[in-house]
Amino acid sequence: MPKLKLPDIEKVVAIDIHTHAEEPCGMHGDDGYDDFQERMADYFKSPHKHPPTVPETAAYYRSKNIAAVIFPVDAERETGFRRYNNYEMLEVASDNLDVLIPFVSIDPHKGKLGVREARKLIEEYGVRGFKFHPTMQGFYANDRMAYPLYEAINDGGAIALFHTGQTGVGSGMPGGMGMRLKYSNPMYMDDVAADFPDLKII
């Protein structure tokens, strides 16, 4: 797959920088995943009980003349649900680069393996950003465990996009499905911004 190209920004009216690729390859979710998605759909009052695929998402944004940053969330360690492969998501998104700006996701708990993947995604695929969801991934943003991954992202000039604050993830499920809001307290971003002054953070 050739390196990713940006949409022609002059031809769109806006850019949505927060779009989830929940079903990037149209694959059936793991056991329990459909119930998880239905509970979130109820929380967000979504008319769709099953999330759209990447091509369906692209078609929607194309119809509105809007570009969208789209990403999966690697949270298999905390949720037990298989993550959607970054490379497969990029392959599907590559057919819709007129409206999609694909970001990727790596759980910081993957350590050196995650750092290797990040560097490869930036250097060989031209990935421009990485999504982090501390509540779903079960870590504090300022945990030094994540710093080697931030360093790789910073070295590649890519963006680190963080979820902070409240979330609908786990809503309506016993114990909130074990999701802890404390991890997404934005104050933990203070250390990250101070320790990585050149890192592009959203």
N, C-alpha and C. Protein backbone atom coordinates (compact mmCIF):
# COMPACT_ATOMS: atom_id res chain seq x y z
N MET A 1 0.84 -1.19 0.00
CA MET A 1 0.00 0.00 0.00
C MET A 1 0.88 1.24 0.00
N PRO A 2 0.65 2.19 -0.91
CA PRO A 2 1.45 3.43 -0.94
C PRO A 2 1.18 4.28 0.29
N LYS A 3 2.08 5.24 0.53
CA LYS A 3 1.90 6.13 1.68
C LYS A 3 0.60 6.91 1.56
N LEU A 4 0.00 7.17 2.69
CA LEU A 4 -1.29 7.86 2.74
C LEU A 4 -1.17 9.31 2.30
N LYS A 5 -2.20 9.77 1.61
CA LYS A 5 -2.26 11.17 1.18
C LYS A 5 -3.44 11.85 1.86
N LEU A 6 -3.29 13.14 2.10
CA LEU A 6 -4.38 13.91 2.71
C LEU A 6 -5.44 14.26 1.68
N PRO A 7 -6.70 14.39 2.11
CA PRO A 7 -7.73 14.90 1.21
C PRO A 7 -7.39 16.33 0.78
N ASP A 8 -7.98 16.78 -0.30
CA ASP A 8 -7.80 18.16 -0.74
C ASP A 8 -8.62 19.05 0.20
N ILE A 9 -7.95 19.66 1.16
CA ILE A 9 -8.62 20.44 2.19
C ILE A 9 -9.41 21.61 1.61
N GLU A 10 -8.97 22.10 0.46
CA GLU A 10 -9.66 23.23 -0.16
C GLU A 10 -11.04 22.85 -0.67
N LYS A 11 -11.30 21.55 -0.81
CA LYS A 11 -12.56 21.10 -1.40
C LYS A 11 -13.61 20.68 -0.37
N VAL A 12 -13.25 20.70 0.92
CA VAL A 12 -14.22 20.31 1.94
C VAL A 12 -14.62 21.52 2.78
N VAL A 13 -15.79 21.42 3.40
CA VAL A 13 -16.29 22.55 4.19
C VAL A 13 -15.86 22.47 5.65
N ALA A 14 -15.45 21.27 6.09
CA ALA A 14 -15.04 21.08 7.48
C ALA A 14 -14.28 19.77 7.62
N ILE A 15 -13.62 19.61 8.77
CA ILE A 15 -12.94 18.35 9.09
C ILE A 15 -13.41 17.90 10.47
N ASP A 16 -14.00 16.71 10.53
CA ASP A 16 -14.38 16.10 11.80
C ASP A 16 -13.15 15.34 12.30
N ILE A 17 -12.58 15.76 13.42
CA ILE A 17 -11.34 15.13 13.86
C ILE A 17 -11.56 13.97 14.83
N HIS A 18 -12.81 13.52 14.99
CA HIS A 18 -13.07 12.45 15.95
C HIS A 18 -14.13 11.49 15.41
N THR A 19 -13.68 10.51 14.64
CA THR A 19 -14.60 9.53 14.06
C THR A 19 -14.06 8.13 14.33
N HIS A 20 -14.89 7.29 14.92
CA HIS A 20 -14.44 5.94 15.28
C HIS A 20 -14.65 4.95 14.13
N ALA A 21 -13.66 4.10 13.94
CA ALA A 21 -13.76 2.99 12.99
C ALA A 21 -14.07 1.75 13.81
N GLU A 22 -15.33 1.57 14.14
CA GLU A 22 -15.71 0.44 14.98
C GLU A 22 -15.80 -0.86 14.19
N GLU A 23 -16.18 -0.75 12.93
CA GLU A 23 -16.31 -1.93 12.09
C GLU A 23 -15.53 -1.69 10.79
N PRO A 24 -14.22 -1.52 10.88
CA PRO A 24 -13.45 -1.09 9.71
C PRO A 24 -13.47 -2.06 8.55
N CYS A 25 -13.58 -3.35 8.86
CA CYS A 25 -13.53 -4.32 7.77
C CYS A 25 -14.83 -5.11 7.65
N GLY A 26 -15.87 -4.62 8.32
CA GLY A 26 -17.15 -5.31 8.25
C GLY A 26 -17.12 -6.66 8.95
N MET A 27 -16.17 -6.85 9.85
CA MET A 27 -16.05 -8.13 10.54
C MET A 27 -17.06 -8.20 11.68
N HIS A 28 -17.51 -9.39 11.99
CA HIS A 28 -18.41 -9.56 13.13
C HIS A 28 -17.60 -9.38 14.41
N GLY A 29 -18.16 -8.65 15.36
CA GLY A 29 -17.46 -8.42 16.61
C GLY A 29 -17.34 -9.68 17.45
N ASP A 30 -16.48 -9.64 18.44
CA ASP A 30 -16.33 -10.75 19.36
C ASP A 30 -17.60 -10.92 20.19
N ASP A 31 -17.71 -12.06 20.88
CA ASP A 31 -18.84 -12.29 21.76
C ASP A 31 -18.96 -11.15 22.76
N GLY A 32 -20.15 -10.62 22.90
CA GLY A 32 -20.38 -9.52 23.82
C GLY A 32 -20.20 -8.15 23.20
N TYR A 33 -19.55 -8.10 22.05
CA TYR A 33 -19.26 -6.80 21.44
C TYR A 33 -20.53 -6.12 20.94
N ASP A 34 -21.45 -6.90 20.38
CA ASP A 34 -22.69 -6.32 19.88
C ASP A 34 -23.50 -5.70 21.02
N ASP A 35 -23.57 -6.39 22.15
CA ASP A 35 -24.28 -5.85 23.32
C ASP A 35 -23.61 -4.57 23.79
N PHE A 36 -22.30 -4.57 23.81
CA PHE A 36 -21.51 -3.39 24.19
C PHE A 36 -21.85 -2.21 23.29
N GLN A 37 -21.92 -2.45 21.98
CA GLN A 37 -22.23 -1.39 21.02
C GLN A 37 -23.67 -0.91 21.16
N GLU A 38 -24.58 -1.83 21.41
CA GLU A 38 -25.99 -1.45 21.55
C GLU A 38 -26.19 -0.57 22.78
N ARG A 39 -25.50 -0.87 23.87
CA ARG A 39 -25.61 -0.04 25.07
C ARG A 39 -25.06 1.36 24.81
N MET A 40 -23.96 1.44 24.07
CA MET A 40 -23.42 2.77 23.75
C MET A 40 -24.35 3.52 22.81
N ALA A 41 -24.97 2.81 21.87
CA ALA A 41 -25.92 3.45 20.96
C ALA A 41 -27.09 4.03 21.75
N ASP A 42 -27.54 3.30 22.77
CA ASP A 42 -28.61 3.81 23.62
C ASP A 42 -28.16 5.07 24.36
N TYR A 43 -26.94 5.04 24.88
CA TYR A 43 -26.41 6.18 25.64
C TYR A 43 -26.33 7.43 24.77
N PHE A 44 -25.83 7.25 23.55
CA PHE A 44 -25.65 8.40 22.65
C PHE A 44 -26.89 8.69 21.81
N LYS A 45 -27.97 7.92 22.05
CA LYS A 45 -29.22 8.08 21.30
C LYS A 45 -29.00 7.98 19.80
N SER A 46 -28.18 7.01 19.43
CA SER A 46 -27.88 6.79 18.01
C SER A 46 -29.01 6.00 17.36
N PRO A 47 -29.39 6.37 16.14
CA PRO A 47 -30.43 5.61 15.44
C PRO A 47 -29.91 4.27 14.93
N HIS A 48 -28.59 4.09 14.95
CA HIS A 48 -27.98 2.86 14.44
C HIS A 48 -27.56 1.97 15.61
N LYS A 49 -28.06 0.76 15.64
CA LYS A 49 -27.70 -0.17 16.70
C LYS A 49 -26.40 -0.89 16.39
N HIS A 50 -25.95 -0.81 15.16
CA HIS A 50 -24.69 -1.43 14.78
C HIS A 50 -23.86 -0.38 14.06
N PRO A 51 -22.60 -0.18 14.45
CA PRO A 51 -21.80 0.89 13.86
C PRO A 51 -21.52 0.66 12.38
N PRO A 52 -21.35 1.74 11.63
CA PRO A 52 -21.09 1.62 10.20
C PRO A 52 -19.67 1.15 9.91
N THR A 53 -19.48 0.59 8.74
CA THR A 53 -18.14 0.22 8.29
C THR A 53 -17.40 1.48 7.85
N VAL A 54 -16.11 1.35 7.59
CA VAL A 54 -15.33 2.49 7.10
C VAL A 54 -15.88 3.01 5.77
N PRO A 55 -16.16 2.14 4.78
CA PRO A 55 -16.74 2.66 3.53
C PRO A 55 -18.07 3.38 3.73
N GLU A 56 -18.91 2.87 4.63
CA GLU A 56 -20.19 3.53 4.92
C GLU A 56 -19.96 4.89 5.56
N THR A 57 -18.99 4.96 6.45
CA THR A 57 -18.65 6.23 7.09
C THR A 57 -18.15 7.22 6.05
N ALA A 58 -17.28 6.75 5.15
CA ALA A 58 -16.74 7.62 4.10
C ALA A 58 -17.86 8.15 3.21
N ALA A 59 -18.80 7.28 2.85
CA ALA A 59 -19.90 7.70 1.99
C ALA A 59 -20.74 8.78 2.66
N TYR A 60 -20.96 8.64 3.96
CA TYR A 60 -21.74 9.64 4.69
C TYR A 60 -21.03 11.00 4.65
N TYR A 61 -19.75 11.01 4.99
CA TYR A 61 -19.02 12.28 5.01
C TYR A 61 -18.86 12.87 3.62
N ARG A 62 -18.71 12.01 2.63
CA ARG A 62 -18.61 12.49 1.25
C ARG A 62 -19.90 13.21 0.86
N SER A 63 -21.03 12.68 1.30
CA SER A 63 -22.32 13.30 0.95
C SER A 63 -22.48 14.67 1.59
N LYS A 64 -21.74 14.91 2.68
CA LYS A 64 -21.80 16.20 3.38
C LYS A 64 -20.65 17.13 3.00
N ASN A 65 -19.75 16.62 2.13
CA ASN A 65 -18.56 17.39 1.73
C ASN A 65 -17.69 17.73 2.94
N ILE A 66 -17.53 16.75 3.82
CA ILE A 66 -16.72 16.90 5.03
C ILE A 66 -15.65 15.81 5.04
N ALA A 67 -14.44 16.17 5.46
CA ALA A 67 -13.38 15.19 5.67
C ALA A 67 -13.45 14.71 7.12
N ALA A 68 -12.91 13.53 7.38
CA ALA A 68 -12.99 12.97 8.73
C ALA A 68 -11.71 12.24 9.11
N VAL A 69 -11.22 12.52 10.31
CA VAL A 69 -10.15 11.72 10.90
C VAL A 69 -10.82 10.49 11.49
N ILE A 70 -10.37 9.31 11.08
CA ILE A 70 -11.03 8.08 11.51
C ILE A 70 -10.00 7.13 12.12
N PHE A 71 -10.39 6.44 13.19
CA PHE A 71 -9.44 5.58 13.89
C PHE A 71 -10.15 4.46 14.65
N PRO A 72 -9.46 3.34 14.86
CA PRO A 72 -9.94 2.32 15.79
C PRO A 72 -9.39 2.66 17.17
N VAL A 73 -9.73 1.87 18.17
CA VAL A 73 -9.14 2.01 19.50
C VAL A 73 -8.64 0.63 19.92
N ASP A 74 -7.34 0.53 20.16
CA ASP A 74 -6.74 -0.73 20.59
C ASP A 74 -6.96 -0.86 22.10
N ALA A 75 -8.03 -1.55 22.48
CA ALA A 75 -8.35 -1.69 23.90
C ALA A 75 -8.62 -3.15 24.26
N GLU A 76 -8.00 -4.06 23.53
CA GLU A 76 -8.29 -5.47 23.75
C GLU A 76 -7.83 -5.94 25.13
N ARG A 77 -6.79 -5.34 25.68
CA ARG A 77 -6.30 -5.74 27.00
C ARG A 77 -7.34 -5.48 28.08
N GLU A 78 -8.00 -4.33 28.03
CA GLU A 78 -8.97 -3.95 29.05
C GLU A 78 -10.36 -4.50 28.78
N THR A 79 -10.77 -4.53 27.51
CA THR A 79 -12.14 -4.93 27.19
C THR A 79 -12.28 -6.42 26.91
N GLY A 80 -11.19 -7.04 26.46
CA GLY A 80 -11.27 -8.44 26.05
C GLY A 80 -11.77 -8.61 24.64
N PHE A 81 -12.09 -7.51 23.96
CA PHE A 81 -12.53 -7.58 22.57
C PHE A 81 -11.33 -7.42 21.64
N ARG A 82 -11.29 -8.25 20.62
CA ARG A 82 -10.19 -8.19 19.65
C ARG A 82 -10.09 -6.79 19.05
N ARG A 83 -8.88 -6.28 18.97
CA ARG A 83 -8.70 -4.97 18.34
C ARG A 83 -8.80 -5.14 16.83
N TYR A 84 -9.19 -4.10 16.16
CA TYR A 84 -9.18 -4.11 14.71
C TYR A 84 -7.79 -3.73 14.25
N ASN A 85 -7.23 -4.57 13.41
CA ASN A 85 -5.86 -4.43 12.95
C ASN A 85 -5.64 -3.09 12.25
N ASN A 86 -4.61 -2.37 12.68
CA ASN A 86 -4.32 -1.06 12.08
C ASN A 86 -4.10 -1.16 10.58
N TYR A 87 -3.40 -2.20 10.15
CA TYR A 87 -3.07 -2.33 8.73
C TYR A 87 -4.31 -2.61 7.88
N GLU A 88 -5.21 -3.42 8.41
CA GLU A 88 -6.46 -3.69 7.69
C GLU A 88 -7.30 -2.42 7.60
N MET A 89 -7.35 -1.67 8.70
CA MET A 89 -8.12 -0.43 8.70
C MET A 89 -7.54 0.55 7.69
N LEU A 90 -6.21 0.65 7.62
CA LEU A 90 -5.57 1.55 6.66
C LEU A 90 -5.87 1.12 5.23
N GLU A 91 -5.86 -0.19 5.01
CA GLU A 91 -6.13 -0.72 3.66
C GLU A 91 -7.53 -0.34 3.20
N VAL A 92 -8.50 -0.49 4.08
CA VAL A 92 -9.88 -0.15 3.74
C VAL A 92 -10.03 1.36 3.57
N ALA A 93 -9.42 2.12 4.47
CA ALA A 93 -9.53 3.58 4.40
C ALA A 93 -8.83 4.15 3.17
N SER A 94 -7.81 3.44 2.68
CA SER A 94 -7.03 3.96 1.54
C SER A 94 -7.87 4.12 0.28
N ASP A 95 -9.00 3.44 0.21
CA ASP A 95 -9.90 3.59 -0.95
C ASP A 95 -10.78 4.83 -0.83
N ASN A 96 -10.66 5.55 0.28
CA ASN A 96 -11.53 6.71 0.53
C ASN A 96 -10.75 7.92 1.03
N LEU A 97 -9.54 8.08 0.52
CA LEU A 97 -8.68 9.16 1.00
C LEU A 97 -9.11 10.54 0.53
N ASP A 98 -10.17 10.59 -0.30
CA ASP A 98 -10.70 11.90 -0.68
C ASP A 98 -11.43 12.55 0.49
N VAL A 99 -11.87 11.71 1.46
CA VAL A 99 -12.58 12.26 2.63
C VAL A 99 -12.06 11.76 3.97
N LEU A 100 -11.28 10.67 3.97
CA LEU A 100 -10.82 10.10 5.23
C LEU A 100 -9.35 10.39 5.50
N ILE A 101 -9.05 10.71 6.75
CA ILE A 101 -7.67 10.87 7.23
C ILE A 101 -7.48 9.80 8.31
N PRO A 102 -6.92 8.64 7.95
CA PRO A 102 -6.83 7.56 8.92
C PRO A 102 -5.73 7.76 9.97
N PHE A 103 -6.13 7.65 11.24
CA PHE A 103 -5.20 7.56 12.35
C PHE A 103 -5.21 6.09 12.81
N VAL A 104 -4.31 5.72 13.68
CA VAL A 104 -4.24 4.35 14.17
C VAL A 104 -4.27 4.36 15.70
N SER A 105 -4.22 3.18 16.30
CA SER A 105 -4.23 3.09 17.76
C SER A 105 -3.36 1.93 18.22
N ILE A 106 -2.54 2.20 19.23
CA ILE A 106 -1.71 1.16 19.84
C ILE A 106 -1.81 1.30 21.35
N ASP A 107 -2.17 0.21 22.01
CA ASP A 107 -2.23 0.22 23.47
C ASP A 107 -0.81 0.39 24.01
N PRO A 108 -0.56 1.41 24.84
CA PRO A 108 0.79 1.61 25.38
C PRO A 108 1.33 0.41 26.15
N HIS A 109 0.44 -0.45 26.65
CA HIS A 109 0.88 -1.63 27.38
C HIS A 109 1.63 -2.61 26.48
N LYS A 110 1.58 -2.42 25.17
CA LYS A 110 2.29 -3.31 24.26
C LYS A 110 3.80 -3.09 24.29
N GLY A 111 4.24 -2.04 24.97
CA GLY A 111 5.67 -1.84 25.19
C GLY A 111 6.48 -1.69 23.92
N LYS A 112 7.62 -2.39 23.87
CA LYS A 112 8.55 -2.25 22.75
C LYS A 112 7.92 -2.70 21.43
N LEU A 113 7.05 -3.70 21.50
CA LEU A 113 6.37 -4.16 20.29
C LEU A 113 5.50 -3.05 19.72
N GLY A 114 4.81 -2.33 20.60
CA GLY A 114 3.98 -1.21 20.16
C GLY A 114 4.81 -0.09 19.57
N VAL A 115 5.98 0.16 20.16
CA VAL A 115 6.87 1.21 19.64
C VAL A 115 7.34 0.85 18.24
N ARG A 116 7.70 -0.41 18.03
CA ARG A 116 8.12 -0.87 16.69
C ARG A 116 7.00 -0.67 15.68
N GLU A 117 5.78 -1.04 16.08
CA GLU A 117 4.65 -0.88 15.17
C GLU A 117 4.41 0.59 14.85
N ALA A 118 4.52 1.46 15.85
CA ALA A 118 4.31 2.89 15.63
C ALA A 118 5.31 3.44 14.62
N ARG A 119 6.57 3.10 14.81
CA ARG A 119 7.60 3.60 13.89
C ARG A 119 7.36 3.10 12.47
N LYS A 120 6.96 1.84 12.34
CA LYS A 120 6.68 1.29 11.01
C LYS A 120 5.50 1.99 10.36
N LEU A 121 4.44 2.22 11.14
CA LEU A 121 3.24 2.87 10.60
C LEU A 121 3.54 4.28 10.11
N ILE A 122 4.42 4.97 10.81
CA ILE A 122 4.79 6.34 10.41
C ILE A 122 5.71 6.32 9.20
N GLU A 123 6.77 5.52 9.29
CA GLU A 123 7.82 5.54 8.26
C GLU A 123 7.39 4.89 6.95
N GLU A 124 6.66 3.77 7.03
CA GLU A 124 6.32 3.03 5.82
C GLU A 124 4.94 3.37 5.26
N TYR A 125 4.03 3.82 6.12
CA TYR A 125 2.67 4.06 5.68
C TYR A 125 2.27 5.54 5.71
N GLY A 126 3.09 6.36 6.33
CA GLY A 126 2.78 7.78 6.38
C GLY A 126 1.65 8.13 7.32
N VAL A 127 1.43 7.30 8.35
CA VAL A 127 0.37 7.58 9.33
C VAL A 127 0.66 8.90 10.04
N ARG A 128 -0.38 9.70 10.21
CA ARG A 128 -0.21 11.05 10.77
C ARG A 128 -0.66 11.19 12.22
N GLY A 129 -1.33 10.18 12.76
CA GLY A 129 -1.81 10.34 14.12
C GLY A 129 -2.15 9.03 14.82
N PHE A 130 -2.16 9.08 16.15
CA PHE A 130 -2.43 7.92 17.00
C PHE A 130 -3.48 8.28 18.04
N LYS A 131 -4.48 7.43 18.17
CA LYS A 131 -5.57 7.64 19.12
C LYS A 131 -5.30 6.91 20.43
N PHE A 132 -5.46 7.64 21.55
CA PHE A 132 -5.37 7.04 22.88
C PHE A 132 -6.68 7.27 23.62
N HIS A 133 -7.14 6.22 24.30
CA HIS A 133 -8.35 6.32 25.12
C HIS A 133 -8.00 5.75 26.49
N PRO A 134 -7.47 6.59 27.41
CA PRO A 134 -7.00 6.09 28.70
C PRO A 134 -8.01 5.25 29.47
N THR A 135 -9.29 5.61 29.43
CA THR A 135 -10.29 4.83 30.14
C THR A 135 -10.42 3.44 29.54
N MET A 136 -10.51 3.35 28.23
CA MET A 136 -10.66 2.05 27.58
C MET A 136 -9.37 1.24 27.61
N GLN A 137 -8.23 1.93 27.61
CA GLN A 137 -6.94 1.23 27.59
C GLN A 137 -6.35 1.03 28.98
N GLY A 138 -6.99 1.60 30.00
CA GLY A 138 -6.59 1.35 31.37
C GLY A 138 -5.22 1.89 31.76
N PHE A 139 -4.97 3.17 31.45
CA PHE A 139 -3.69 3.76 31.85
C PHE A 139 -3.86 5.26 32.06
N TYR A 140 -2.98 5.81 32.88
CA TYR A 140 -2.92 7.26 33.05
C TYR A 140 -2.02 7.81 31.95
N ALA A 141 -2.42 8.93 31.35
CA ALA A 141 -1.65 9.49 30.24
C ALA A 141 -0.20 9.77 30.63
N ASN A 142 0.04 10.08 31.91
CA ASN A 142 1.40 10.41 32.34
C ASN A 142 2.16 9.21 32.89
N ASP A 143 1.65 8.01 32.69
CA ASP A 143 2.36 6.80 33.11
C ASP A 143 3.61 6.65 32.24
N ARG A 144 4.77 6.56 32.88
CA ARG A 144 6.03 6.48 32.12
C ARG A 144 6.08 5.27 31.21
N MET A 145 5.25 4.28 31.48
CA MET A 145 5.15 3.12 30.61
C MET A 145 4.82 3.52 29.18
N ALA A 146 4.06 4.61 29.01
CA ALA A 146 3.63 5.05 27.69
C ALA A 146 4.65 5.96 27.00
N TYR A 147 5.64 6.42 27.73
CA TYR A 147 6.55 7.43 27.18
C TYR A 147 7.35 6.98 25.96
N PRO A 148 7.83 5.73 25.89
CA PRO A 148 8.53 5.31 24.67
C PRO A 148 7.65 5.40 23.42
N LEU A 149 6.36 5.14 23.59
CA LEU A 149 5.43 5.25 22.46
C LEU A 149 5.24 6.71 22.07
N TYR A 150 5.09 7.59 23.05
CA TYR A 150 5.00 9.02 22.75
C TYR A 150 6.26 9.50 22.04
N GLU A 151 7.41 9.00 22.47
CA GLU A 151 8.68 9.40 21.87
C GLU A 151 8.72 9.01 20.39
N ALA A 152 8.26 7.80 20.08
CA ALA A 152 8.23 7.35 18.69
C ALA A 152 7.30 8.23 17.86
N ILE A 153 6.15 8.57 18.42
CA ILE A 153 5.18 9.43 17.72
C ILE A 153 5.77 10.81 17.51
N ASN A 154 6.42 11.33 18.53
CA ASN A 154 7.05 12.64 18.45
C ASN A 154 8.17 12.64 17.41
N ASP A 155 9.00 11.60 17.42
CA ASP A 155 10.11 11.51 16.46
C ASP A 155 9.61 11.51 15.03
N GLY A 156 8.44 10.90 14.82
CA GLY A 156 7.88 10.83 13.47
C GLY A 156 7.06 12.04 13.08
N GLY A 157 6.93 13.00 13.99
CA GLY A 157 6.15 14.20 13.68
C GLY A 157 4.66 13.96 13.60
N ALA A 158 4.20 12.86 14.19
CA ALA A 158 2.78 12.52 14.15
C ALA A 158 2.04 13.16 15.33
N ILE A 159 0.73 13.01 15.32
CA ILE A 159 -0.15 13.60 16.33
C ILE A 159 -0.57 12.54 17.34
N ALA A 160 -0.67 12.95 18.61
CA ALA A 160 -1.23 12.09 19.66
C ALA A 160 -2.60 12.65 20.05
N LEU A 161 -3.65 11.91 19.74
CA LEU A 161 -5.02 12.34 20.00
C LEU A 161 -5.55 11.59 21.22
N PHE A 162 -5.87 12.31 22.29
CA PHE A 162 -6.30 11.70 23.55
C PHE A 162 -7.78 11.95 23.83
N HIS A 163 -8.46 10.90 24.27
CA HIS A 163 -9.78 11.09 24.88
C HIS A 163 -9.54 11.58 26.30
N THR A 164 -10.30 12.59 26.73
CA THR A 164 -10.24 13.03 28.12
C THR A 164 -11.66 13.25 28.64
N GLY A 165 -11.82 13.19 29.96
CA GLY A 165 -13.11 13.47 30.57
C GLY A 165 -14.09 12.32 30.53
N GLN A 166 -15.37 12.66 30.47
CA GLN A 166 -16.47 11.70 30.52
C GLN A 166 -16.46 10.79 29.29
N THR A 167 -17.12 9.64 29.42
CA THR A 167 -17.27 8.73 28.29
C THR A 167 -18.56 7.93 28.45
N GLY A 168 -19.13 7.53 27.33
CA GLY A 168 -20.30 6.67 27.35
C GLY A 168 -19.92 5.20 27.32
N VAL A 169 -18.64 4.91 27.21
CA VAL A 169 -18.17 3.53 27.14
C VAL A 169 -18.51 2.80 28.44
N GLY A 170 -19.18 1.67 28.33
CA GLY A 170 -19.56 0.89 29.50
C GLY A 170 -20.90 1.29 30.10
N SER A 171 -21.51 2.35 29.55
CA SER A 171 -22.79 2.81 30.08
C SER A 171 -23.85 1.71 29.98
N GLY A 172 -24.62 1.56 31.05
CA GLY A 172 -25.69 0.57 31.05
C GLY A 172 -25.23 -0.85 31.29
N MET A 173 -23.95 -1.04 31.54
CA MET A 173 -23.42 -2.38 31.78
C MET A 173 -22.98 -2.49 33.25
N PRO A 174 -23.05 -3.68 33.82
CA PRO A 174 -22.67 -3.85 35.23
C PRO A 174 -21.28 -3.29 35.53
N GLY A 175 -21.21 -2.41 36.52
CA GLY A 175 -19.93 -1.83 36.89
C GLY A 175 -19.30 -1.00 35.79
N GLY A 176 -20.14 -0.54 34.86
CA GLY A 176 -19.58 0.24 33.75
C GLY A 176 -18.59 -0.56 32.93
N MET A 177 -18.74 -1.90 32.97
CA MET A 177 -17.84 -2.81 32.26
C MET A 177 -16.39 -2.68 32.75
N GLY A 178 -16.24 -2.15 33.96
CA GLY A 178 -14.90 -2.01 34.52
C GLY A 178 -14.15 -0.79 34.03
N MET A 179 -14.81 0.05 33.23
CA MET A 179 -14.15 1.26 32.72
C MET A 179 -14.03 2.29 33.84
N ARG A 180 -12.86 2.86 34.02
CA ARG A 180 -12.63 3.83 35.09
C ARG A 180 -12.38 5.22 34.52
N LEU A 181 -13.26 6.15 34.89
CA LEU A 181 -13.16 7.52 34.38
C LEU A 181 -11.90 8.23 34.86
N LYS A 182 -11.36 7.80 36.00
CA LYS A 182 -10.19 8.48 36.56
C LYS A 182 -9.03 8.52 35.58
N TYR A 183 -8.90 7.51 34.74
CA TYR A 183 -7.77 7.48 33.81
C TYR A 183 -7.82 8.63 32.80
N SER A 184 -9.00 9.13 32.52
CA SER A 184 -9.15 10.17 31.50
C SER A 184 -9.22 11.58 32.07
N ASN A 185 -8.85 11.74 33.33
CA ASN A 185 -8.77 13.08 33.91
C ASN A 185 -7.75 13.90 33.11
N PRO A 186 -8.17 15.03 32.54
CA PRO A 186 -7.25 15.80 31.68
C PRO A 186 -6.02 16.33 32.40
N MET A 187 -6.05 16.39 33.74
CA MET A 187 -4.88 16.89 34.46
C MET A 187 -3.63 16.05 34.19
N TYR A 188 -3.83 14.75 33.89
CA TYR A 188 -2.67 13.90 33.63
C TYR A 188 -1.97 14.26 32.32
N MET A 189 -2.66 15.03 31.48
CA MET A 189 -2.03 15.49 30.24
C MET A 189 -0.98 16.56 30.51
N ASP A 190 -1.06 17.19 31.67
CA ASP A 190 -0.12 18.26 32.01
C ASP A 190 1.32 17.76 31.97
N ASP A 191 1.56 16.60 32.56
CA ASP A 191 2.91 16.03 32.54
C ASP A 191 3.36 15.69 31.12
N VAL A 192 2.44 15.14 30.33
CA VAL A 192 2.79 14.76 28.96
C VAL A 192 3.20 15.99 28.16
N ALA A 193 2.42 17.05 28.28
CA ALA A 193 2.73 18.29 27.55
C ALA A 193 4.05 18.89 28.01
N ALA A 194 4.33 18.80 29.32
CA ALA A 194 5.58 19.36 29.85
C ALA A 194 6.78 18.51 29.46
N ASP A 195 6.61 17.19 29.47
CA ASP A 195 7.72 16.29 29.17
C ASP A 195 7.98 16.12 27.68
N PHE A 196 6.97 16.41 26.86
CA PHE A 196 7.12 16.32 25.40
C PHE A 196 6.66 17.64 24.78
N PRO A 197 7.46 18.70 24.95
CA PRO A 197 7.04 20.03 24.50
C PRO A 197 6.82 20.15 22.99
N ASP A 198 7.40 19.23 22.21
CA ASP A 198 7.24 19.30 20.76
C ASP A 198 6.19 18.34 20.23
N LEU A 199 5.62 17.51 21.11
CA LEU A 199 4.62 16.55 20.67
C LEU A 199 3.32 17.26 20.32
N LYS A 200 2.75 16.91 19.17
CA LYS A 200 1.48 17.49 18.75
C LYS A 200 0.36 16.74 19.45
N ILE A 201 -0.30 17.41 20.39
CA ILE A 201 -1.33 16.79 21.22
C ILE A 201 -2.70 17.39 20.93
N ILE A 202 -3.67 16.52 20.72
CA ILE A 202 -5.07 16.95 20.61
C ILE A 202 -5.83 16.27 21.73
